[in-house]
């Protein structure tokens, strides 16, 4: 599966505990990453500054579903289900 252009769900729904340029403490679940532009594209995509956690995320129908809305819902559910 390929990423849907302009989706950005993986840059919003999950929490990220590692530093992100512009967000030294990472981000909370549901918080929009500062590196997500107004078209919902990552400003760091393909750059060495992109965090390892972002590089490791691979799109999959199980988490991305069939639409951006479904991806936000699924990723949000996974975030809640795995929260400590």
PDB file of N, CA and C in Angstrom:
ATOM      1  N   UNK A   1       0.835  -1.177   0.000  1.00  0.00           N
ATOM      2  CA  UNK A   1       0.000   0.000   0.000  1.00  0.00           C
ATOM      3  C   UNK A   1       0.881   1.242   0.000  1.00  0.00           C
ATOM      4  N   UNK A   2       0.465   2.254  -0.713  1.00  0.00           N
ATOM      5  CA  UNK A   2       1.158   3.541  -0.744  1.00  0.00           C
ATOM      6  C   UNK A   2       0.411   4.544   0.130  1.00  0.00           C
ATOM      7  N   UNK A   3       1.135   5.510   0.668  1.00  0.00           N
ATOM      8  CA  UNK A   3       0.488   6.578   1.431  1.00  0.00           C
ATOM      9  C   UNK A   3      -0.470   7.344   0.526  1.00  0.00           C
ATOM     10  N   UNK A   4      -1.601   7.762   1.119  1.00  0.00           N
ATOM     11  CA  UNK A   4      -2.526   8.632   0.393  1.00  0.00           C
ATOM     12  C   UNK A   4      -1.973  10.054   0.478  1.00  0.00           C
ATOM     13  N   UNK A   5      -1.814  10.683  -0.652  1.00  0.00           N
ATOM     14  CA  UNK A   5      -1.316  12.058  -0.676  1.00  0.00           C
ATOM     15  C   UNK A   5      -2.253  12.956   0.121  1.00  0.00           C
ATOM     16  N   UNK A   6      -1.670  13.765   0.994  1.00  0.00           N
ATOM     17  CA  UNK A   6      -2.453  14.715   1.758  1.00  0.00           C
ATOM     18  C   UNK A   6      -3.277  14.102   2.872  1.00  0.00           C
ATOM     19  N   UNK A   7      -2.939  12.909   3.328  1.00  0.00           N
ATOM     20  CA  UNK A   7      -3.686  12.270   4.405  1.00  0.00           C
ATOM     21  C   UNK A   7      -3.229  12.825   5.752  1.00  0.00           C
ATOM     22  N   UNK A   8      -2.001  12.583   6.133  1.00  0.00           N
ATOM     23  CA  UNK A   8      -1.444  13.118   7.368  1.00  0.00           C
ATOM     24  C   UNK A   8      -1.954  12.493   8.650  1.00  0.00           C
ATOM     25  N   UNK A   9      -2.765  11.442   8.562  1.00  0.00           N
ATOM     26  CA  UNK A   9      -3.327  10.835   9.779  1.00  0.00           C
ATOM     27  C   UNK A   9      -2.240  10.351  10.728  1.00  0.00           C
ATOM     28  N   UNK A  10      -1.163   9.787  10.195  1.00  0.00           N
ATOM     29  CA  UNK A  10      -0.083   9.278  11.048  1.00  0.00           C
ATOM     30  C   UNK A  10       0.726  10.410  11.674  1.00  0.00           C
ATOM     31  N   UNK A  11       0.499  11.649  11.231  1.00  0.00           N
ATOM     32  CA  UNK A  11       1.168  12.825  11.790  1.00  0.00           C
ATOM     33  C   UNK A  11       0.265  13.551  12.783  1.00  0.00           C
ATOM     34  N   UNK A  12      -0.932  13.000  13.002  1.00  0.00           N
ATOM     35  CA  UNK A  12      -1.895  13.618  13.909  1.00  0.00           C
ATOM     36  C   UNK A  12      -2.321  12.641  15.008  1.00  0.00           C
ATOM     37  N   UNK A  13      -2.817  11.483  14.633  1.00  0.00           N
ATOM     38  CA  UNK A  13      -3.458  10.563  15.586  1.00  0.00           C
ATOM     39  C   UNK A  13      -2.526   9.991  16.654  1.00  0.00           C
ATOM     40  N   UNK A  14      -1.372   9.444  16.309  1.00  0.00           N
ATOM     41  CA  UNK A  14      -0.545   8.814  17.354  1.00  0.00           C
ATOM     42  C   UNK A  14       0.296   9.824  18.128  1.00  0.00           C
ATOM     43  N   UNK A  15       0.644   9.431  19.346  1.00  0.00           N
ATOM     44  CA  UNK A  15       1.625  10.207  20.107  1.00  0.00           C
ATOM     45  C   UNK A  15       3.005   9.830  19.584  1.00  0.00           C
ATOM     46  N   UNK A  16       3.928  10.754  19.701  1.00  0.00           N
ATOM     47  CA  UNK A  16       5.323  10.497  19.323  1.00  0.00           C
ATOM     48  C   UNK A  16       6.170  10.980  20.487  1.00  0.00           C
ATOM     49  N   UNK A  17       6.901  10.071  21.118  1.00  0.00           N
ATOM     50  CA  UNK A  17       7.677  10.430  22.307  1.00  0.00           C
ATOM     51  C   UNK A  17       9.076  10.933  21.976  1.00  0.00           C
ATOM     52  N   UNK A  18       9.546  10.694  20.772  1.00  0.00           N
ATOM     53  CA  UNK A  18      10.884  11.152  20.403  1.00  0.00           C
ATOM     54  C   UNK A  18      10.820  12.588  19.872  1.00  0.00           C
ATOM     55  N   UNK A  19      11.936  13.313  19.958  1.00  0.00           N
ATOM     56  CA  UNK A  19      11.960  14.689  19.466  1.00  0.00           C
ATOM     57  C   UNK A  19      11.671  14.762  17.964  1.00  0.00           C
ATOM     58  N   UNK A  20      10.991  15.823  17.592  1.00  0.00           N
ATOM     59  CA  UNK A  20      10.699  16.151  16.201  1.00  0.00           C
ATOM     60  C   UNK A  20      11.220  17.577  16.032  1.00  0.00           C
ATOM     61  N   UNK A  21      11.872  17.909  14.927  1.00  0.00           N
ATOM     62  CA  UNK A  21      12.285  19.301  14.752  1.00  0.00           C
ATOM     63  C   UNK A  21      11.093  20.241  14.960  1.00  0.00           C
ATOM     64  N   UNK A  22      11.251  21.167  15.889  1.00  0.00           N
ATOM     65  CA  UNK A  22      10.164  22.084  16.224  1.00  0.00           C
ATOM     66  C   UNK A  22       9.291  21.591  17.368  1.00  0.00           C
ATOM     67  N   UNK A  23       9.459  20.327  17.760  1.00  0.00           N
ATOM     68  CA  UNK A  23       8.713  19.727  18.872  1.00  0.00           C
ATOM     69  C   UNK A  23       9.694  18.868  19.672  1.00  0.00           C
ATOM     70  N   UNK A  24      10.547  19.489  20.480  1.00  0.00           N
ATOM     71  CA  UNK A  24      11.613  18.749  21.167  1.00  0.00           C
ATOM     72  C   UNK A  24      11.127  17.669  22.128  1.00  0.00           C
ATOM     73  N   UNK A  25       9.893  17.769  22.582  1.00  0.00           N
ATOM     74  CA  UNK A  25       9.337  16.761  23.496  1.00  0.00           C
ATOM     75  C   UNK A  25       8.398  15.788  22.786  1.00  0.00           C
ATOM     76  N   UNK A  26       8.437  15.768  21.477  1.00  0.00           N
ATOM     77  CA  UNK A  26       7.516  14.927  20.716  1.00  0.00           C
ATOM     78  C   UNK A  26       6.146  15.568  20.665  1.00  0.00           C
ATOM     79  N   UNK A  27       5.106  14.744  20.507  1.00  0.00           N
ATOM     80  CA  UNK A  27       3.750  15.284  20.428  1.00  0.00           C
ATOM     81  C   UNK A  27       2.752  14.331  21.062  1.00  0.00           C
ATOM     82  N   UNK A  28       1.673  14.897  21.523  1.00  0.00           N
ATOM     83  CA  UNK A  28       0.602  14.105  22.124  1.00  0.00           C
ATOM     84  C   UNK A  28      -0.300  13.511  21.038  1.00  0.00           C
ATOM     85  N   UNK A  29      -0.991  12.446  21.385  1.00  0.00           N
ATOM     86  CA  UNK A  29      -1.972  11.854  20.473  1.00  0.00           C
ATOM     87  C   UNK A  29      -3.029  12.894  20.128  1.00  0.00           C
ATOM     88  N   UNK A  30      -3.364  12.985  18.861  1.00  0.00           N
ATOM     89  CA  UNK A  30      -4.370  13.931  18.403  1.00  0.00           C
ATOM     90  C   UNK A  30      -3.822  15.317  18.116  1.00  0.00           C
ATOM     91  N   UNK A  31      -2.579  15.557  18.481  1.00  0.00           N
ATOM     92  CA  UNK A  31      -1.940  16.852  18.215  1.00  0.00           C
ATOM     93  C   UNK A  31      -1.313  16.814  16.822  1.00  0.00           C
ATOM     94  N   UNK A  32      -1.513  17.864  16.079  1.00  0.00           N
ATOM     95  CA  UNK A  32      -0.953  17.962  14.729  1.00  0.00           C
ATOM     96  C   UNK A  32       0.552  18.233  14.819  1.00  0.00           C
ATOM     97  N   UNK A  33       1.345  17.473  14.092  1.00  0.00           N
ATOM     98  CA  UNK A  33       2.789  17.699  14.049  1.00  0.00           C
ATOM     99  C   UNK A  33       3.065  19.043  13.368  1.00  0.00           C
ATOM    100  N   UNK A  34       4.016  19.809  13.914  1.00  0.00           N
ATOM    101  CA  UNK A  34       4.342  21.114  13.326  1.00  0.00           C
ATOM    102  C   UNK A  34       4.966  20.974  11.943  1.00  0.00           C
ATOM    103  N   UNK A  35       5.442  19.790  11.606  1.00  0.00           N
ATOM    104  CA  UNK A  35       6.057  19.569  10.300  1.00  0.00           C
ATOM    105  C   UNK A  35       5.036  19.212   9.209  1.00  0.00           C
ATOM    106  N   UNK A  36       3.779  19.128   9.578  1.00  0.00           N
ATOM    107  CA  UNK A  36       2.715  18.837   8.613  1.00  0.00           C
ATOM    108  C   UNK A  36       2.261  20.165   8.015  1.00  0.00           C
ATOM    109  N   UNK A  37       2.382  20.307   6.698  1.00  0.00           N
ATOM    110  CA  UNK A  37       2.037  21.589   6.074  1.00  0.00           C
ATOM    111  C   UNK A  37       0.519  21.726   5.877  1.00  0.00           C
ATOM    112  N   UNK A  38       0.100  22.829   5.302  1.00  0.00           N
ATOM    113  CA  UNK A  38      -1.325  23.114   5.135  1.00  0.00           C
ATOM    114  C   UNK A  38      -2.031  22.160   4.174  1.00  0.00           C
ATOM    115  N   UNK A  39      -1.262  21.423   3.384  1.00  0.00           N
ATOM    116  CA  UNK A  39      -1.848  20.413   2.486  1.00  0.00           C
ATOM    117  C   UNK A  39      -1.750  19.010   3.081  1.00  0.00           C
ATOM    118  N   UNK A  40      -1.310  18.927   4.334  1.00  0.00           N
ATOM    119  CA  UNK A  40      -1.126  17.665   5.055  1.00  0.00           C
ATOM    120  C   UNK A  40      -0.017  16.801   4.468  1.00  0.00           C
ATOM    121  N   UNK A  41       1.057  17.449   4.042  1.00  0.00           N
ATOM    122  CA  UNK A  41       2.264  16.772   3.590  1.00  0.00           C
ATOM    123  C   UNK A  41       3.371  17.062   4.597  1.00  0.00           C
ATOM    124  N   UNK A  42       4.233  16.079   4.833  1.00  0.00           N
ATOM    125  CA  UNK A  42       5.340  16.227   5.778  1.00  0.00           C
ATOM    126  C   UNK A  42       6.449  17.084   5.162  1.00  0.00           C
ATOM    127  N   UNK A  43       6.843  18.112   5.887  1.00  0.00           N
ATOM    128  CA  UNK A  43       7.939  18.982   5.423  1.00  0.00           C
ATOM    129  C   UNK A  43       9.298  18.297   5.520  1.00  0.00           C
ATOM    130  N   UNK A  44       9.378  17.218   6.306  1.00  0.00           N
ATOM    131  CA  UNK A  44      10.650  16.517   6.507  1.00  0.00           C
ATOM    132  C   UNK A  44      10.791  15.263   5.651  1.00  0.00           C
ATOM    133  N   UNK A  45       9.758  14.928   4.901  1.00  0.00           N
ATOM    134  CA  UNK A  45       9.792  13.690   4.119  1.00  0.00           C
ATOM    135  C   UNK A  45      11.021  13.672   3.219  1.00  0.00           C
ATOM    136  N   UNK A  46      11.794  12.590   3.326  1.00  0.00           N
ATOM    137  CA  UNK A  46      12.997  12.425   2.510  1.00  0.00           C
ATOM    138  C   UNK A  46      14.225  13.135   3.048  1.00  0.00           C
ATOM    139  N   UNK A  47      14.094  13.840   4.170  1.00  0.00           N
ATOM    140  CA  UNK A  47      15.231  14.554   4.748  1.00  0.00           C
ATOM    141  C   UNK A  47      15.821  13.777   5.917  1.00  0.00           C
ATOM    142  N   UNK A  48      17.110  13.937   6.177  1.00  0.00           N
ATOM    143  CA  UNK A  48      17.740  13.202   7.280  1.00  0.00           C
ATOM    144  C   UNK A  48      17.205  13.606   8.661  1.00  0.00           C
ATOM    145  N   UNK A  49      16.577  14.774   8.773  1.00  0.00           N
ATOM    146  CA  UNK A  49      16.026  15.228  10.053  1.00  0.00           C
ATOM    147  C   UNK A  49      14.735  14.506  10.433  1.00  0.00           C
ATOM    148  N   UNK A  50      14.165  13.775   9.517  1.00  0.00           N
ATOM    149  CA  UNK A  50      12.910  13.068   9.793  1.00  0.00           C
ATOM    150  C   UNK A  50      13.167  12.016  10.879  1.00  0.00           C
ATOM    151  N   UNK A  51      12.352  12.032  11.951  1.00  0.00           N
ATOM    152  CA  UNK A  51      12.562  11.103  13.067  1.00  0.00           C
ATOM    153  C   UNK A  51      12.470   9.631  12.642  1.00  0.00           C
ATOM    154  N   UNK A  52      13.221   8.791  13.328  1.00  0.00           N
ATOM    155  CA  UNK A  52      13.247   7.355  13.034  1.00  0.00           C
ATOM    156  C   UNK A  52      11.851   6.730  13.147  1.00  0.00           C
ATOM    157  N   UNK A  53      11.070   7.185  14.130  1.00  0.00           N
ATOM    158  CA  UNK A  53       9.728   6.627  14.299  1.00  0.00           C
ATOM    159  C   UNK A  53       8.872   6.890  13.050  1.00  0.00           C
ATOM    160  N   UNK A  54       9.072   8.031  12.442  1.00  0.00           N
ATOM    161  CA  UNK A  54       8.325   8.362  11.218  1.00  0.00           C
ATOM    162  C   UNK A  54       8.826   7.534  10.034  1.00  0.00           C
ATOM    163  N   UNK A  55      10.129   7.363   9.971  1.00  0.00           N
ATOM    164  CA  UNK A  55      10.707   6.534   8.904  1.00  0.00           C
ATOM    165  C   UNK A  55      10.219   5.096   8.997  1.00  0.00           C
ATOM    166  N   UNK A  56      10.033   4.618  10.223  1.00  0.00           N
ATOM    167  CA  UNK A  56       9.632   3.235  10.441  1.00  0.00           C
ATOM    168  C   UNK A  56       8.167   2.951  10.185  1.00  0.00           C
ATOM    169  N   UNK A  57       7.337   3.994  10.141  1.00  0.00           N
ATOM    170  CA  UNK A  57       5.908   3.778   9.913  1.00  0.00           C
ATOM    171  C   UNK A  57       5.672   3.457   8.454  1.00  0.00           C
ATOM    172  N   UNK A  58       5.023   2.337   8.203  1.00  0.00           N
ATOM    173  CA  UNK A  58       4.709   1.920   6.835  1.00  0.00           C
ATOM    174  C   UNK A  58       3.191   1.848   6.685  1.00  0.00           C
ATOM    175  N   UNK A  59       2.650   2.402   5.616  1.00  0.00           N
ATOM    176  CA  UNK A  59       1.204   2.344   5.421  1.00  0.00           C
ATOM    177  C   UNK A  59       0.727   0.904   5.251  1.00  0.00           C
ATOM    178  N   UNK A  60      -0.408   0.630   5.851  1.00  0.00           N
ATOM    179  CA  UNK A  60      -0.998  -0.700   5.782  1.00  0.00           C
ATOM    180  C   UNK A  60      -2.512  -0.537   5.880  1.00  0.00           C
ATOM    181  N   UNK A  61      -3.255  -1.323   5.148  1.00  0.00           N
ATOM    182  CA  UNK A  61      -4.711  -1.218   5.165  1.00  0.00           C
ATOM    183  C   UNK A  61      -5.284  -1.397   6.563  1.00  0.00           C
ATOM    184  N   UNK A  62      -4.597  -2.168   7.418  1.00  0.00           N
ATOM    185  CA  UNK A  62      -5.086  -2.403   8.776  1.00  0.00           C
ATOM    186  C   UNK A  62      -5.091  -1.129   9.626  1.00  0.00           C
ATOM    187  N   UNK A  63      -4.202  -0.196   9.332  1.00  0.00           N
ATOM    188  CA  UNK A  63      -4.160   1.048  10.104  1.00  0.00           C
ATOM    189  C   UNK A  63      -4.571   2.271   9.284  1.00  0.00           C
ATOM    190  N   UNK A  64      -4.502   2.173   7.981  1.00  0.00           N
ATOM    191  CA  UNK A  64      -4.833   3.315   7.128  1.00  0.00           C
ATOM    192  C   UNK A  64      -6.269   3.257   6.597  1.00  0.00           C
ATOM    193  N   UNK A  65      -6.844   2.076   6.589  1.00  0.00           N
ATOM    194  CA  UNK A  65      -8.216   1.943   6.114  1.00  0.00           C
ATOM    195  C   UNK A  65      -8.388   2.414   4.683  1.00  0.00           C
ATOM    196  N   UNK A  66      -9.590   2.826   4.371  1.00  0.00           N
ATOM    197  CA  UNK A  66      -9.905   3.226   3.003  1.00  0.00           C
ATOM    198  C   UNK A  66     -10.007   4.716   2.782  1.00  0.00           C
ATOM    199  N   UNK A  67      -9.801   5.511   3.859  1.00  0.00           N
ATOM    200  CA  UNK A  67      -9.890   6.966   3.737  1.00  0.00           C
ATOM    201  C   UNK A  67      -9.098   7.617   4.864  1.00  0.00           C
ATOM    202  N   UNK A  68      -8.889   8.913   4.743  1.00  0.00           N
ATOM    203  CA  UNK A  68      -8.194   9.664   5.789  1.00  0.00           C
ATOM    204  C   UNK A  68      -8.969   9.577   7.103  1.00  0.00           C
ATOM    205  N   UNK A  69     -10.279   9.726   7.026  1.00  0.00           N
ATOM    206  CA  UNK A  69     -11.127   9.674   8.221  1.00  0.00           C
ATOM    207  C   UNK A  69     -11.009   8.322   8.910  1.00  0.00           C
ATOM    208  N   UNK A  70     -11.004   7.260   8.110  1.00  0.00           N
ATOM    209  CA  UNK A  70     -10.867   5.926   8.694  1.00  0.00           C
ATOM    210  C   UNK A  70      -9.481   5.751   9.309  1.00  0.00           C
ATOM    211  N   UNK A  71      -8.454   6.274   8.655  1.00  0.00           N
ATOM    212  CA  UNK A  71      -7.094   6.194   9.196  1.00  0.00           C
ATOM    213  C   UNK A  71      -7.006   6.919  10.530  1.00  0.00           C
ATOM    214  N   UNK A  72      -7.589   8.099  10.634  1.00  0.00           N
ATOM    215  CA  UNK A  72      -7.584   8.828  11.897  1.00  0.00           C
ATOM    216  C   UNK A  72      -8.289   8.027  12.991  1.00  0.00           C
ATOM    217  N   UNK A  73      -9.406   7.413  12.651  1.00  0.00           N
ATOM    218  CA  UNK A  73     -10.158   6.603  13.608  1.00  0.00           C
ATOM    219  C   UNK A  73      -9.359   5.373  14.045  1.00  0.00           C
ATOM    220  N   UNK A  74      -8.785   4.641  13.075  1.00  0.00           N
ATOM    221  CA  UNK A  74      -8.029   3.427  13.379  1.00  0.00           C
ATOM    222  C   UNK A  74      -6.767   3.735  14.175  1.00  0.00           C
ATOM    223  N   UNK A  75      -6.028   4.743  13.757  1.00  0.00           N
ATOM    224  CA  UNK A  75      -4.800   5.107  14.472  1.00  0.00           C
ATOM    225  C   UNK A  75      -5.124   5.631  15.871  1.00  0.00           C
ATOM    226  N   UNK A  76      -6.217   6.364  16.003  1.00  0.00           N
ATOM    227  CA  UNK A  76      -6.649   6.822  17.312  1.00  0.00           C
ATOM    228  C   UNK A  76      -7.013   5.658  18.223  1.00  0.00           C
ATOM    229  N   UNK A  77      -7.698   4.681  17.673  1.00  0.00           N
ATOM    230  CA  UNK A  77      -8.063   3.487  18.447  1.00  0.00           C
ATOM    231  C   UNK A  77      -6.811   2.719  18.871  1.00  0.00           C
ATOM    232  N   UNK A  78      -5.857   2.549  17.949  1.00  0.00           N
ATOM    233  CA  UNK A  78      -4.603   1.854  18.285  1.00  0.00           C
ATOM    234  C   UNK A  78      -3.839   2.607  19.368  1.00  0.00           C
ATOM    235  N   UNK A  79      -3.826   3.912  19.293  1.00  0.00           N
ATOM    236  CA  UNK A  79      -3.160   4.741  20.302  1.00  0.00           C
ATOM    237  C   UNK A  79      -3.790   4.480  21.675  1.00  0.00           C
ATOM    238  N   UNK A  80      -5.102   4.501  21.753  1.00  0.00           N
ATOM    239  CA  UNK A  80      -5.794   4.265  23.021  1.00  0.00           C
ATOM    240  C   UNK A  80      -5.575   2.843  23.514  1.00  0.00           C
ATOM    241  N   UNK A  81      -5.625   1.885  22.606  1.00  0.00           N
ATOM    242  CA  UNK A  81      -5.496   0.473  22.992  1.00  0.00           C
ATOM    243  C   UNK A  81      -4.106   0.129  23.510  1.00  0.00           C
ATOM    244  N   UNK A  82      -3.101   0.898  23.099  1.00  0.00           N
ATOM    245  CA  UNK A  82      -1.729   0.594  23.502  1.00  0.00           C
ATOM    246  C   UNK A  82      -1.188   1.573  24.537  1.00  0.00           C
ATOM    247  N   UNK A  83      -2.006   2.529  24.967  1.00  0.00           N
ATOM    248  CA  UNK A  83      -1.564   3.508  25.981  1.00  0.00           C
ATOM    249  C   UNK A  83      -1.363   2.810  27.315  1.00  0.00           C
ATOM    250  N   UNK A  84      -0.383   3.271  28.022  1.00  0.00           N
ATOM    251  CA  UNK A  84      -0.078   2.679  29.328  1.00  0.00           C
ATOM    252  C   UNK A  84      -0.707   3.511  30.428  1.00  0.00           C
TER     253      UNK A  84
END
